[in-house]
Amino acid sequence: MDKTPYRRFRNAVNMPLVVWTMMLLVYGSIMVSSATTGMGGGMVRRQLIGIAVGLVPLGVAWMLDYKLLKHWTGPLLIALSLLLISPRIPGLGYEAGGATSWLAVFGIRLFQPSEPAKLIFIAVMAAVVSDFKGRIEKPGDVLRVMSYLGLAMVLILLQPDLGTGLVFVAITAGMLLVGGMKGRWFLVFGLAAIVAIGGILVADSALDNMAGRDVALKDYQKDRLLVFIDNARDPRGAGYNLAQSKIAIGSGGVSGTGLAAGTQSNLHFLPERHTDFIFAVLGEELGFTGAVILLGLYLALLISALAISTSSRDLYGALICAGIISMWAFQILENVGMTVGMMPITGIPLPFMSFGSSAMVTNLGAVGMLLSVWSRRYGT
């Protein structure tokens, strides 16, 4: 038997990554269908269309030699800036959830540009970090890398979209860890972040009082931080979403109430049940068992991505993988954590599970980038 075709297939396709991705897509489609019971079949159809559209960037990224991206850093940085600033262009921005982070034409919401911007940011940061060849030690080196994050953060906070900003920070941290930044710099930036957050909150309150309106941070964003500190705070107001989420997950028990049989979701007590809080729906309807299965699938996905990273023949490919792993890991931690009060509530979607085409297309594009690194690990 000629093994050549099989070997070529094995070299081009990382089957564990593909299998775990497909299982998550099926699991997510089932949960979206259950969470949108009573909302019409159009929601499930839109989710499936999002998956179908996402196969296009997956295929393109897979076929494209990832090493070419390193030579396009300048154009990619321009594209990143245009994507992040585009919602602030008059006539294009669409406000949803308190942030102007969507693009729309004639009032019809199209997509969230910060989602594909995540992948472009990963490609740009991988190029910048790889230039140091695994040794980031000097203050000038650190400042150069952080300047790219600073540019992205400024443009994101103009929307403002704190959740997406945190994802960019997580991506940077993961890439710097793989890229060889010394541990003392992580400590320095951690302490600086704590001081900065405190200073921003104090300054924002002062500016709001002087202007008589919200200048930077919105009231709802500050309320979410207060609810995170005190979960029992304002259960009928700012803490309502968290209270209902915890009730839903707690009522699921070990095996759950069954698909489309959750009272919190079907009786509309749980807000954003098919997007931000889909994990709470899963916890109620499939219980602890369903939650463990989902987290097991995520763990398998991340391990597969890590295996691809270690197989990379160059630092640039390993950094791309590190950025994707960091993006997924943080979004999983943040989304699941916020439903049980362990993380502040943000609008970060749960990868491959939450309803939404922009995030789905981005996540499938990330799978394509991983496959590109995998298929070229032998220099082919």
Protein backbone atom coordinates (compact mmCIF):
# COMPACT_ATOMS: atom_id res chain seq x y z
CA MET A 1 0.00 0.00 0.00
CA ASP A 2 1.37 3.40 -1.00
CA LYS A 3 1.64 5.50 2.15
CA THR A 4 2.65 8.68 0.36
CA PRO A 5 -0.88 10.17 0.06
CA TYR A 6 -1.55 9.36 3.71
CA ARG A 7 1.70 10.96 4.79
CA ARG A 8 0.94 14.05 2.79
CA PHE A 9 -2.49 14.26 4.37
CA ARG A 10 -1.04 13.77 7.85
CA ASN A 11 1.57 16.45 7.24
CA ALA A 12 -1.03 18.95 6.05
CA VAL A 13 -3.83 18.27 8.54
CA ASN A 14 -3.61 18.19 12.31
CA MET A 15 -6.48 15.82 12.91
CA PRO A 16 -6.84 16.42 16.67
CA LEU A 17 -7.26 20.16 16.06
CA VAL A 18 -9.83 19.54 13.31
CA VAL A 19 -11.76 16.97 15.35
CA TRP A 20 -11.98 19.12 18.50
CA THR A 21 -12.98 22.14 16.42
CA MET A 22 -15.76 20.19 14.68
CA MET A 23 -17.04 18.85 18.00
CA LEU A 24 -17.14 22.35 19.47
CA LEU A 25 -18.99 23.65 16.39
CA VAL A 26 -21.61 20.92 16.74
CA TYR A 27 -21.89 21.46 20.50
CA GLY A 28 -22.20 25.20 20.01
CA SER A 29 -24.87 24.87 17.31
CA ILE A 30 -26.92 22.61 19.57
CA MET A 31 -26.69 25.08 22.44
CA VAL A 32 -27.55 28.08 20.25
CA SER A 33 -30.59 26.16 18.97
CA SER A 34 -31.64 25.42 22.54
CA ALA A 35 -30.95 28.93 23.83
CA THR A 36 -32.94 30.54 21.00
CA THR A 37 -36.03 28.38 21.45
CA GLY A 38 -39.00 30.64 20.82
CA MET A 39 -36.91 33.18 18.94
CA GLY A 40 -37.45 31.58 15.53
CA GLY A 41 -35.30 29.24 13.46
CA GLY A 42 -33.56 32.17 11.82
CA MET A 43 -31.04 32.40 14.66
CA VAL A 44 -29.76 28.87 14.12
CA ARG A 45 -29.65 29.43 10.37
CA ARG A 46 -27.58 32.57 10.88
CA GLN A 47 -25.20 30.65 13.14
CA LEU A 48 -24.73 27.96 10.50
CA ILE A 49 -24.17 30.60 7.84
CA GLY A 50 -21.51 32.13 10.08
CA ILE A 51 -19.78 28.74 10.29
CA ALA A 52 -19.97 28.31 6.51
CA VAL A 53 -18.54 31.79 5.92
CA GLY A 54 -15.81 31.08 8.47
CA LEU A 55 -14.60 28.13 6.42
CA VAL A 56 -13.39 30.62 3.78
CA PRO A 57 -10.79 32.41 5.99
CA LEU A 58 -9.92 29.01 7.48
CA GLY A 59 -9.06 27.67 4.04
CA VAL A 60 -7.26 30.83 2.91
CA ALA A 61 -5.16 31.02 6.09
CA TRP A 62 -4.34 27.32 5.83
CA MET A 63 -3.19 27.57 2.21
CA LEU A 64 -1.23 30.79 2.83
CA ASP A 65 2.33 30.34 4.03
CA TYR A 66 2.26 32.02 7.43
CA LYS A 67 5.88 33.18 6.98
CA LEU A 68 4.71 35.63 4.30
CA LEU A 69 2.79 37.56 6.96
CA LYS A 70 6.06 38.61 8.57
CA HIS A 71 6.96 40.52 5.43
CA TRP A 72 3.59 42.32 5.45
CA THR A 73 3.89 43.80 8.95
CA GLY A 74 3.59 47.42 7.75
CA PRO A 75 0.42 46.93 5.67
CA LEU A 76 -1.05 44.71 8.39
CA LEU A 77 -0.45 47.41 11.01
CA ILE A 78 -2.26 49.93 8.80
CA ALA A 79 -5.14 47.46 8.32
CA LEU A 80 -5.27 46.88 12.09
CA SER A 81 -5.52 50.63 12.77
CA LEU A 82 -8.22 51.12 10.12
CA LEU A 83 -10.29 48.26 11.48
CA LEU A 84 -10.13 49.51 15.07
CA ILE A 85 -10.86 53.14 14.19
CA SER A 86 -13.59 52.38 11.62
CA PRO A 87 -16.50 52.25 14.13
CA ARG A 88 -15.74 55.87 15.07
CA ILE A 89 -16.12 57.04 11.46
CA PRO A 90 -19.40 58.99 11.19
CA GLY A 91 -22.06 56.97 9.41
CA LEU A 92 -20.30 53.63 9.87
CA GLY A 93 -20.40 53.01 13.61
CA TYR A 94 -23.22 51.10 15.29
CA GLU A 95 -23.73 51.23 19.05
CA ALA A 96 -24.60 47.99 20.84
CA GLY A 97 -24.19 47.14 24.51
CA GLY A 98 -22.96 50.64 25.31
CA ALA A 99 -20.01 50.53 22.88
CA THR A 100 -19.72 51.74 19.30
CA SER A 101 -17.78 48.69 18.15
CA TRP A 102 -19.82 47.52 15.15
CA LEU A 103 -19.95 48.60 11.51
CA ALA A 104 -23.31 49.24 9.91
CA VAL A 105 -24.69 50.44 6.58
CA PHE A 106 -28.07 52.22 6.56
CA GLY A 107 -28.57 51.10 10.16
CA ILE A 108 -28.02 47.41 9.33
CA ARG A 109 -25.36 45.93 11.58
CA LEU A 110 -22.70 44.09 9.58
CA PHE A 111 -19.77 42.89 11.68
CA GLN A 112 -17.52 43.73 14.60
CA PRO A 113 -14.13 44.83 13.16
CA SER A 114 -12.27 44.21 16.42
CA GLU A 115 -12.76 40.46 15.89
CA PRO A 116 -10.66 40.03 12.71
CA ALA A 117 -8.35 42.69 14.16
CA LYS A 118 -7.34 40.14 16.79
CA LEU A 119 -5.77 37.88 14.15
CA ILE A 120 -4.03 40.79 12.44
CA PHE A 121 -2.70 41.92 15.83
CA ILE A 122 -1.34 38.41 16.45
CA ALA A 123 0.49 38.43 13.09
CA VAL A 124 1.95 41.90 13.75
CA MET A 125 3.04 41.19 17.33
CA ALA A 126 4.56 37.85 16.30
CA ALA A 127 6.72 39.68 13.77
CA VAL A 128 7.79 42.32 16.30
CA VAL A 129 8.55 39.87 19.12
CA SER A 130 10.36 37.37 16.87
CA ASP A 131 12.86 40.08 15.87
CA PHE A 132 14.39 39.80 19.36
CA LYS A 133 15.14 36.08 18.79
CA GLY A 134 13.91 34.97 22.20
CA ARG A 135 15.67 37.60 24.34
CA ILE A 136 13.68 40.64 25.42
CA GLU A 137 15.71 42.21 28.20
CA LYS A 138 16.46 45.90 27.64
CA PRO A 139 13.91 48.58 28.62
CA GLY A 140 13.99 49.89 25.04
CA ASP A 141 13.11 46.45 23.70
CA VAL A 142 10.18 46.14 26.08
CA LEU A 143 8.91 49.63 25.28
CA ARG A 144 9.08 48.95 21.56
CA VAL A 145 6.91 45.86 21.91
CA MET A 146 4.48 47.55 24.29
CA SER A 147 4.08 50.52 21.95
CA TYR A 148 2.20 48.29 19.50
CA LEU A 149 -0.13 47.16 22.27
CA GLY A 150 -0.53 50.78 23.35
CA LEU A 151 -1.63 51.83 19.85
CA ALA A 152 -4.23 49.07 19.71
CA MET A 153 -5.49 49.83 23.23
CA VAL A 154 -5.98 53.53 22.50
CA LEU A 155 -8.06 52.75 19.41
CA ILE A 156 -10.09 50.09 21.25
CA LEU A 157 -10.80 52.34 24.22
CA LEU A 158 -12.15 55.00 21.87
CA GLN A 159 -15.12 52.69 21.22
CA PRO A 160 -14.95 51.94 24.26
CA ASP A 161 -14.65 48.14 24.41
CA LEU A 162 -12.81 47.14 27.56
CA GLY A 163 -13.46 43.43 27.03
CA THR A 164 -11.71 43.35 23.66
CA GLY A 165 -8.90 45.45 25.11
CA LEU A 166 -8.30 42.79 27.75
CA VAL A 167 -8.10 40.13 25.03
CA PHE A 168 -5.34 42.14 23.30
CA VAL A 169 -3.48 42.37 26.62
CA ALA A 170 -3.77 38.60 27.12
CA ILE A 171 -2.51 37.95 23.57
CA THR A 172 0.50 40.18 24.20
CA ALA A 173 1.30 38.54 27.54
CA GLY A 174 1.25 35.05 26.05
CA MET A 175 3.46 36.05 23.14
CA LEU A 176 5.94 37.83 25.38
CA LEU A 177 6.15 34.75 27.59
CA VAL A 178 7.06 32.59 24.60
CA GLY A 179 9.16 35.39 23.10
CA GLY A 180 11.60 35.44 26.01
CA MET A 181 10.72 38.51 28.05
CA LYS A 182 12.32 38.33 31.48
CA GLY A 183 10.07 37.60 34.45
CA ARG A 184 10.89 40.88 36.20
CA TRP A 185 9.18 42.80 33.40
CA PHE A 186 5.95 40.85 33.92
CA LEU A 187 6.07 41.87 37.58
CA VAL A 188 6.74 45.50 36.66
CA PHE A 189 3.86 45.65 34.21
CA GLY A 190 1.54 43.81 36.60
CA LEU A 191 2.15 46.38 39.33
CA ALA A 192 1.93 49.22 36.80
CA ALA A 193 -1.43 47.90 35.59
CA ILE A 194 -2.83 47.88 39.14
CA VAL A 195 -1.68 51.45 39.72
CA ALA A 196 -2.96 52.53 36.29
CA ILE A 197 -6.41 51.03 36.85
CA GLY A 198 -6.73 52.81 40.19
CA GLY A 199 -5.54 56.07 38.67
CA ILE A 200 -7.92 55.75 35.72
CA LEU A 201 -10.91 55.16 38.00
CA VAL A 202 -10.05 58.17 40.17
CA ALA A 203 -9.37 60.42 37.17
CA ASP A 204 -12.52 59.27 35.40
CA SER A 205 -14.69 60.08 38.40
CA ALA A 206 -13.13 63.54 38.62
CA LEU A 207 -13.66 64.20 34.91
CA ASP A 208 -17.26 62.98 35.08
CA ASN A 209 -17.97 65.35 37.98
CA MET A 210 -16.41 68.29 36.14
CA ALA A 211 -18.20 67.60 32.85
CA GLY A 212 -21.48 66.45 34.34
CA ARG A 213 -21.52 63.36 32.09
CA ASP A 214 -19.58 60.18 31.30
CA VAL A 215 -16.31 61.24 29.69
CA ALA A 216 -14.47 57.93 29.29
CA LEU A 217 -15.70 54.93 31.27
CA LYS A 218 -19.44 54.42 31.16
CA ASP A 219 -21.43 54.01 34.37
CA TYR A 220 -22.39 50.47 33.41
CA GLN A 221 -18.71 49.52 33.06
CA LYS A 222 -17.90 50.82 36.54
CA ASP A 223 -20.99 49.09 37.92
CA ARG A 224 -19.75 45.77 36.49
CA LEU A 225 -16.48 46.17 38.37
CA LEU A 226 -18.34 46.89 41.60
CA VAL A 227 -20.58 43.84 41.08
CA PHE A 228 -17.46 41.70 40.50
CA ILE A 229 -16.06 42.91 43.85
CA ASP A 230 -19.41 42.33 45.59
CA ASN A 231 -21.51 39.69 43.77
CA ALA A 232 -24.57 40.45 45.91
CA ARG A 233 -24.57 44.14 44.96
CA ASP A 234 -27.75 45.50 43.32
CA PRO A 235 -29.31 42.14 42.24
CA ARG A 236 -32.20 43.95 40.51
CA GLY A 237 -29.98 46.41 38.69
CA ALA A 238 -26.29 46.16 37.82
CA GLY A 239 -26.02 42.71 39.39
CA TYR A 240 -29.12 41.27 37.72
CA ASN A 241 -27.30 39.41 34.91
CA LEU A 242 -24.90 37.73 37.31
CA ALA A 243 -27.65 36.81 39.77
CA GLN A 244 -29.75 35.15 37.06
CA SER A 245 -26.70 33.40 35.61
CA LYS A 246 -25.77 31.87 38.97
CA ILE A 247 -29.37 30.76 39.51
CA ALA A 248 -29.39 29.08 36.08
CA ILE A 249 -26.11 27.23 36.62
CA GLY A 250 -27.02 26.23 40.17
CA SER A 251 -30.39 24.84 39.13
CA GLY A 252 -28.78 22.56 36.54
CA GLY A 253 -27.35 20.18 39.11
CA VAL A 254 -25.40 17.21 37.81
CA SER A 255 -27.33 16.33 34.66
CA GLY A 256 -29.33 19.49 33.94
CA THR A 257 -32.98 20.11 33.11
CA GLY A 258 -32.64 19.00 29.48
CA LEU A 259 -32.23 20.88 26.21
CA ALA A 260 -34.75 23.71 25.75
CA ALA A 261 -36.13 22.92 29.20
CA GLY A 262 -34.33 25.56 31.23
CA THR A 263 -36.63 27.93 33.07
CA GLN A 264 -34.14 30.79 33.39
CA SER A 265 -33.55 30.94 29.65
CA ASN A 266 -36.95 29.99 28.27
CA LEU A 267 -38.81 32.32 30.62
CA HIS A 268 -36.41 35.12 29.61
CA PHE A 269 -34.97 35.70 33.08
CA LEU A 270 -31.43 35.28 31.74
CA PRO A 271 -30.33 38.17 29.48
CA GLU A 272 -28.11 37.63 26.42
CA ARG A 273 -28.63 33.92 26.83
CA HIS A 274 -27.50 32.96 23.31
CA THR A 275 -24.42 35.23 23.29
CA ASP A 276 -22.58 36.33 26.43
CA PHE A 277 -24.33 33.93 28.82
CA ILE A 278 -24.61 30.79 26.74
CA PHE A 279 -22.49 28.93 29.31
CA ALA A 280 -25.19 29.63 31.90
CA VAL A 281 -27.76 28.07 29.55
CA LEU A 282 -25.51 25.04 29.13
CA GLY A 283 -25.05 24.79 32.89
CA GLU A 284 -28.80 24.84 33.48
CA GLU A 285 -29.84 22.51 30.68
CA LEU A 286 -26.93 20.02 30.64
CA GLY A 287 -25.72 20.53 34.19
CA PHE A 288 -22.28 19.87 35.62
CA THR A 289 -21.81 16.99 33.17
CA GLY A 290 -22.34 19.20 30.13
CA ALA A 291 -20.03 21.88 31.53
CA VAL A 292 -17.23 19.35 32.16
CA ILE A 293 -17.59 18.00 28.61
CA LEU A 294 -17.28 21.52 27.19
CA LEU A 295 -14.25 22.37 29.31
CA GLY A 296 -12.70 19.02 28.33
CA LEU A 297 -13.14 19.89 24.66
CA TYR A 298 -11.54 23.28 25.24
CA LEU A 299 -8.61 21.69 27.03
CA ALA A 300 -8.12 19.25 24.14
CA LEU A 301 -8.28 22.15 21.65
CA LEU A 302 -5.65 24.15 23.55
CA ILE A 303 -3.38 21.12 23.92
CA SER A 304 -3.61 20.52 20.16
CA ALA A 305 -2.71 24.14 19.48
CA LEU A 306 0.20 23.88 21.94
CA ALA A 307 1.47 20.77 20.14
CA ILE A 308 1.42 22.72 16.86
CA SER A 309 3.33 25.56 18.52
CA THR A 310 6.08 23.22 19.74
CA SER A 311 6.30 21.64 16.28
CA SER A 312 6.94 24.98 14.56
CA ARG A 313 10.26 25.25 12.78
CA ASP A 314 10.67 28.94 13.63
CA LEU A 315 9.92 31.38 16.45
CA TYR A 316 7.49 33.37 14.32
CA GLY A 317 5.21 30.36 13.84
CA ALA A 318 5.43 29.48 17.53
CA LEU A 319 4.46 33.04 18.46
CA ILE A 320 1.41 32.98 16.15
CA CYS A 321 0.28 29.81 17.91
CA ALA A 322 0.99 31.37 21.32
CA GLY A 323 -1.14 34.38 20.44
CA ILE A 324 -4.07 32.21 19.37
CA ILE A 325 -3.78 30.00 22.45
CA SER A 326 -3.71 33.08 24.69
CA MET A 327 -6.72 34.58 22.91
CA TRP A 328 -8.80 31.42 23.29
CA ALA A 329 -7.66 30.65 26.85
CA PHE A 330 -8.43 34.14 28.10
CA GLN A 331 -11.83 34.29 26.40
CA ILE A 332 -12.78 30.91 27.85
CA LEU A 333 -11.58 31.90 31.33
CA GLU A 334 -13.29 35.29 31.20
CA ASN A 335 -16.62 34.12 29.76
CA VAL A 336 -17.01 31.08 32.00
CA GLY A 337 -15.69 32.98 35.01
CA MET A 338 -18.08 35.90 34.61
CA THR A 339 -21.13 33.60 34.62
CA VAL A 340 -20.25 32.40 38.13
CA GLY A 341 -18.94 35.70 39.52
CA MET A 342 -15.23 34.85 39.37
CA MET A 343 -14.49 37.42 36.64
CA PRO A 344 -16.02 40.82 35.82
CA ILE A 345 -18.85 40.80 33.29
CA THR A 346 -17.74 41.79 29.79
CA GLY A 347 -19.03 41.24 26.28
CA ILE A 348 -16.42 38.60 25.45
CA PRO A 349 -17.98 35.66 23.55
CA LEU A 350 -17.32 32.01 24.33
CA PRO A 351 -15.25 30.59 21.42
CA PHE A 352 -17.24 28.40 18.98
CA MET A 353 -20.25 28.49 21.32
CA SER A 354 -21.69 32.00 21.52
CA PHE A 355 -24.03 33.19 18.78
CA GLY A 356 -22.33 35.67 16.45
CA SER A 357 -20.77 35.49 13.00
CA SER A 358 -17.91 37.95 13.60
CA ALA A 359 -16.41 35.89 16.42
CA MET A 360 -17.10 32.60 14.64
CA VAL A 361 -15.33 33.71 11.45
CA THR A 362 -12.37 34.94 13.50
CA ASN A 363 -12.06 31.71 15.48
CA LEU A 364 -12.20 29.59 12.33
CA GLY A 365 -9.59 31.87 10.75
CA ALA A 366 -7.41 31.19 13.80
CA VAL A 367 -7.78 27.45 13.18
CA GLY A 368 -6.59 28.06 9.61
CA MET A 369 -3.51 29.91 10.88
CA LEU A 370 -2.68 27.00 13.19
CA LEU A 371 -3.03 24.56 10.31
CA SER A 372 -0.72 26.76 8.22
CA VAL A 373 1.98 26.48 10.88
CA TRP A 374 1.41 22.73 11.22
CA SER A 375 1.51 21.95 7.49
CA ARG A 376 4.82 23.80 7.07
CA ARG A 377 6.65 22.42 10.07
CA TYR A 378 9.00 20.49 7.74
CA GLY A 379 9.70 23.53 5.62
CA THR A 380 7.22 22.58 2.89
